[in-house]
Amino acid sequence: MPTISVVEGDITTLDVDAIVNAANTALLGGGGVDGAIHRAGGPEILEECKALRASSLPDGLPVGSAVATTAGKMKARNVIHTVGPRYSRSQDRSAQLRSAYTQSLAVADSLGAQTVAFPLISSGVYGWPKEDAAKQAVTAIHSAHTAVDNVILVAYDKPSADVLRRALE
């Protein structure tokens, strides 16, 4: 089981084996973490995403799945793109959210990554309540069968970091 830590800051600046991108199905960039990663990494990330869409992912990346690309100009060596579910009050999509974490760790294993940084998937524009998103993240990481040694949960502000720290207790 990997060690889990919480860091407050900018995921795009971390020197890790892989950072996880809370992407959308299209894999062509967007807002929030997705936009920040594409801006920081440069056009190489978008070019690899376009190549994936033209070959193995013509319909886009399914919710709960993950795929890797270069990290471009960032210190990280790879970006693992995953699509979290949109929050729904009427449907329990927590298994899809946990899958985004476990599938990202499986991709990390295929890359030989030892240190992986995650944002809090689905907690931004996809509307997942932060407290539950953090609980789902920790549950998924603890249940994953992975060779990754160190998982860093990255929060962009102190309130989000506090939510993540509480989920680890």
Protein backbone atom coordinates (compact mmCIF):
# COMPACT_ATOMS: atom_id res chain seq x y z
CA MET A 1 0.00 0.00 0.00
CA PRO A 2 1.45 3.37 -0.94
CA THR A 3 2.20 6.12 1.54
CA ILE A 4 -0.31 8.96 1.11
CA SER A 5 0.56 12.58 1.83
CA VAL A 6 -1.20 15.89 1.27
CA VAL A 7 0.46 18.92 -0.32
CA GLU A 8 -1.04 22.36 -0.84
CA GLY A 9 0.05 23.94 -4.10
CA ASP A 10 0.25 23.66 -7.87
CA ILE A 11 0.26 20.08 -9.17
CA THR A 12 1.98 21.20 -12.39
CA THR A 13 5.18 22.17 -10.52
CA LEU A 14 5.81 18.83 -8.77
CA ASP A 15 8.85 16.72 -9.60
CA VAL A 16 7.19 13.28 -9.59
CA ASP A 17 7.03 10.29 -11.90
CA ALA A 18 3.45 11.09 -12.89
CA ILE A 19 0.76 13.64 -12.25
CA VAL A 20 -2.87 12.74 -12.72
CA ASN A 21 -5.03 15.00 -14.84
CA ALA A 22 -8.72 15.29 -14.02
CA ALA A 23 -9.53 15.29 -17.73
CA ASN A 24 -12.74 15.29 -19.69
CA THR A 25 -13.76 12.50 -22.06
CA ALA A 26 -12.55 14.43 -25.13
CA LEU A 27 -8.94 14.58 -23.81
CA LEU A 28 -8.46 17.90 -25.60
CA GLY A 29 -7.94 20.19 -22.63
CA GLY A 30 -10.44 22.17 -20.64
CA GLY A 31 -10.70 24.21 -17.48
CA GLY A 32 -9.46 23.72 -13.94
CA VAL A 33 -6.67 21.20 -13.40
CA ASP A 34 -7.01 19.96 -17.00
CA GLY A 35 -6.39 23.41 -18.47
CA ALA A 36 -3.54 24.12 -16.06
CA ILE A 37 -1.78 20.85 -17.00
CA HIS A 38 -2.15 21.49 -20.72
CA ARG A 39 -0.85 25.08 -20.34
CA ALA A 40 2.12 24.04 -18.17
CA GLY A 41 3.06 21.01 -20.24
CA GLY A 42 2.78 22.68 -23.61
CA PRO A 43 1.53 21.42 -26.98
CA GLU A 44 3.17 17.98 -26.72
CA ILE A 45 0.44 16.81 -24.33
CA LEU A 46 -2.36 17.91 -26.66
CA GLU A 47 -0.63 16.31 -29.65
CA GLU A 48 -0.41 12.94 -27.85
CA CYS A 49 -4.06 13.26 -26.75
CA LYS A 50 -5.10 13.95 -30.35
CA ALA A 51 -3.11 10.90 -31.49
CA LEU A 52 -4.91 8.74 -28.89
CA ARG A 53 -8.28 10.05 -30.11
CA ALA A 54 -7.29 9.28 -33.72
CA SER A 55 -6.22 5.72 -32.86
CA SER A 56 -7.23 3.78 -29.74
CA LEU A 57 -9.80 6.22 -28.26
CA PRO A 58 -11.97 7.49 -31.14
CA ASP A 59 -14.95 7.97 -28.80
CA GLY A 60 -12.86 9.55 -26.05
CA LEU A 61 -11.71 8.27 -22.68
CA PRO A 62 -14.52 6.55 -20.74
CA VAL A 63 -15.40 7.69 -17.22
CA GLY A 64 -13.32 5.82 -14.66
CA SER A 65 -10.58 4.93 -17.18
CA ALA A 66 -7.03 6.28 -17.49
CA VAL A 67 -4.35 6.73 -20.13
CA ALA A 68 -0.84 8.23 -20.10
CA THR A 69 0.94 10.84 -22.18
CA THR A 70 4.14 12.80 -21.91
CA ALA A 71 4.25 15.62 -19.35
CA GLY A 72 5.81 17.93 -21.91
CA LYS A 73 7.63 20.84 -20.27
CA MET A 74 6.69 19.95 -16.68
CA LYS A 75 9.12 18.34 -14.21
CA ALA A 76 6.88 15.25 -14.00
CA ARG A 77 7.73 12.53 -16.48
CA ASN A 78 4.18 11.56 -17.44
CA VAL A 79 0.61 12.75 -17.21
CA ILE A 80 -2.03 10.16 -16.47
CA HIS A 81 -5.36 11.41 -17.77
CA THR A 82 -8.48 10.10 -16.05
CA VAL A 83 -12.14 11.03 -16.28
CA GLY A 84 -14.10 11.26 -13.07
CA PRO A 85 -17.89 11.13 -13.03
CA ARG A 86 -20.17 14.12 -12.65
CA TYR A 87 -21.82 14.15 -9.23
CA SER A 88 -25.45 13.04 -9.13
CA ARG A 89 -27.85 13.17 -6.20
CA SER A 90 -30.02 10.47 -7.82
CA GLN A 91 -27.31 7.97 -8.89
CA ASP A 92 -24.42 6.53 -6.88
CA ARG A 93 -21.38 7.04 -9.10
CA SER A 94 -18.80 6.54 -6.34
CA ALA A 95 -17.52 3.30 -7.91
CA GLN A 96 -16.67 5.24 -11.08
CA LEU A 97 -14.87 7.86 -9.01
CA ARG A 98 -12.84 5.22 -7.17
CA SER A 99 -12.08 3.58 -10.53
CA ALA A 100 -10.53 6.83 -11.77
CA TYR A 101 -7.98 6.50 -8.94
CA THR A 102 -7.36 2.75 -9.20
CA GLN A 103 -7.09 2.82 -13.01
CA SER A 104 -4.67 5.75 -12.77
CA LEU A 105 -2.53 3.72 -10.38
CA ALA A 106 -2.65 0.74 -12.78
CA VAL A 107 -1.38 3.01 -15.57
CA ALA A 108 1.28 4.32 -13.17
CA ASP A 109 2.36 0.72 -12.57
CA SER A 110 2.65 0.13 -16.32
CA LEU A 111 4.97 3.17 -16.50
CA GLY A 112 7.07 2.01 -13.55
CA ALA A 113 6.09 5.14 -11.62
CA GLN A 114 6.92 5.21 -7.92
CA THR A 115 5.55 8.67 -7.05
CA VAL A 116 2.16 9.86 -8.33
CA ALA A 117 0.37 13.14 -7.61
CA PHE A 118 -3.43 13.36 -7.77
CA PRO A 119 -5.81 16.29 -7.71
CA LEU A 120 -9.17 15.79 -5.97
CA ILE A 121 -10.94 14.25 -8.98
CA SER A 122 -14.53 15.34 -9.76
CA SER A 123 -14.62 17.94 -6.95
CA GLY A 124 -14.45 20.99 -9.22
CA VAL A 125 -16.84 21.67 -12.09
CA TYR A 126 -18.13 18.07 -11.87
CA GLY A 127 -19.71 19.05 -8.55
CA TRP A 128 -18.67 16.19 -6.25
CA PRO A 129 -18.83 17.33 -2.60
CA LYS A 130 -15.21 17.72 -1.42
CA GLU A 131 -15.57 15.74 1.82
CA ASP A 132 -16.96 12.69 0.02
CA ALA A 133 -14.56 13.07 -2.93
CA ALA A 134 -11.67 12.97 -0.46
CA LYS A 135 -13.12 9.90 1.28
CA GLN A 136 -13.54 8.13 -2.07
CA ALA A 137 -9.95 9.02 -3.07
CA VAL A 138 -8.43 7.62 0.13
CA THR A 139 -10.60 4.49 0.00
CA ALA A 140 -9.61 3.83 -3.63
CA ILE A 141 -5.90 4.37 -3.06
CA HIS A 142 -5.89 2.13 0.02
CA SER A 143 -7.72 -0.63 -1.89
CA ALA A 144 -5.54 -0.48 -5.01
CA HIS A 145 -3.11 -3.26 -5.80
CA THR A 146 -0.19 -1.11 -6.89
CA ALA A 147 3.58 -0.95 -6.81
CA VAL A 148 3.47 2.86 -6.46
CA ASP A 149 5.33 3.83 -3.26
CA ASN A 150 4.14 7.37 -2.73
CA VAL A 151 0.84 9.05 -3.56
CA ILE A 152 0.58 12.80 -3.12
CA LEU A 153 -2.88 14.31 -2.90
CA VAL A 154 -2.53 17.89 -4.12
CA ALA A 155 -4.89 20.62 -2.96
CA TYR A 156 -4.89 24.05 -4.55
CA ASP A 157 -5.87 25.81 -1.30
CA LYS A 158 -5.79 25.33 2.49
CA PRO A 159 -9.50 24.44 2.92
CA SER A 160 -9.15 21.64 0.33
CA ALA A 161 -5.90 20.45 1.94
CA ASP A 162 -7.69 20.32 5.32
CA VAL A 163 -10.48 18.21 3.77
CA LEU A 164 -7.89 15.77 2.42
CA ARG A 165 -6.04 15.59 5.74
CA ARG A 166 -9.29 14.80 7.57
CA ALA A 167 -10.02 12.01 5.08
CA LEU A 168 -6.64 10.45 5.89
CA GLU A 169 -7.29 10.39 9.65
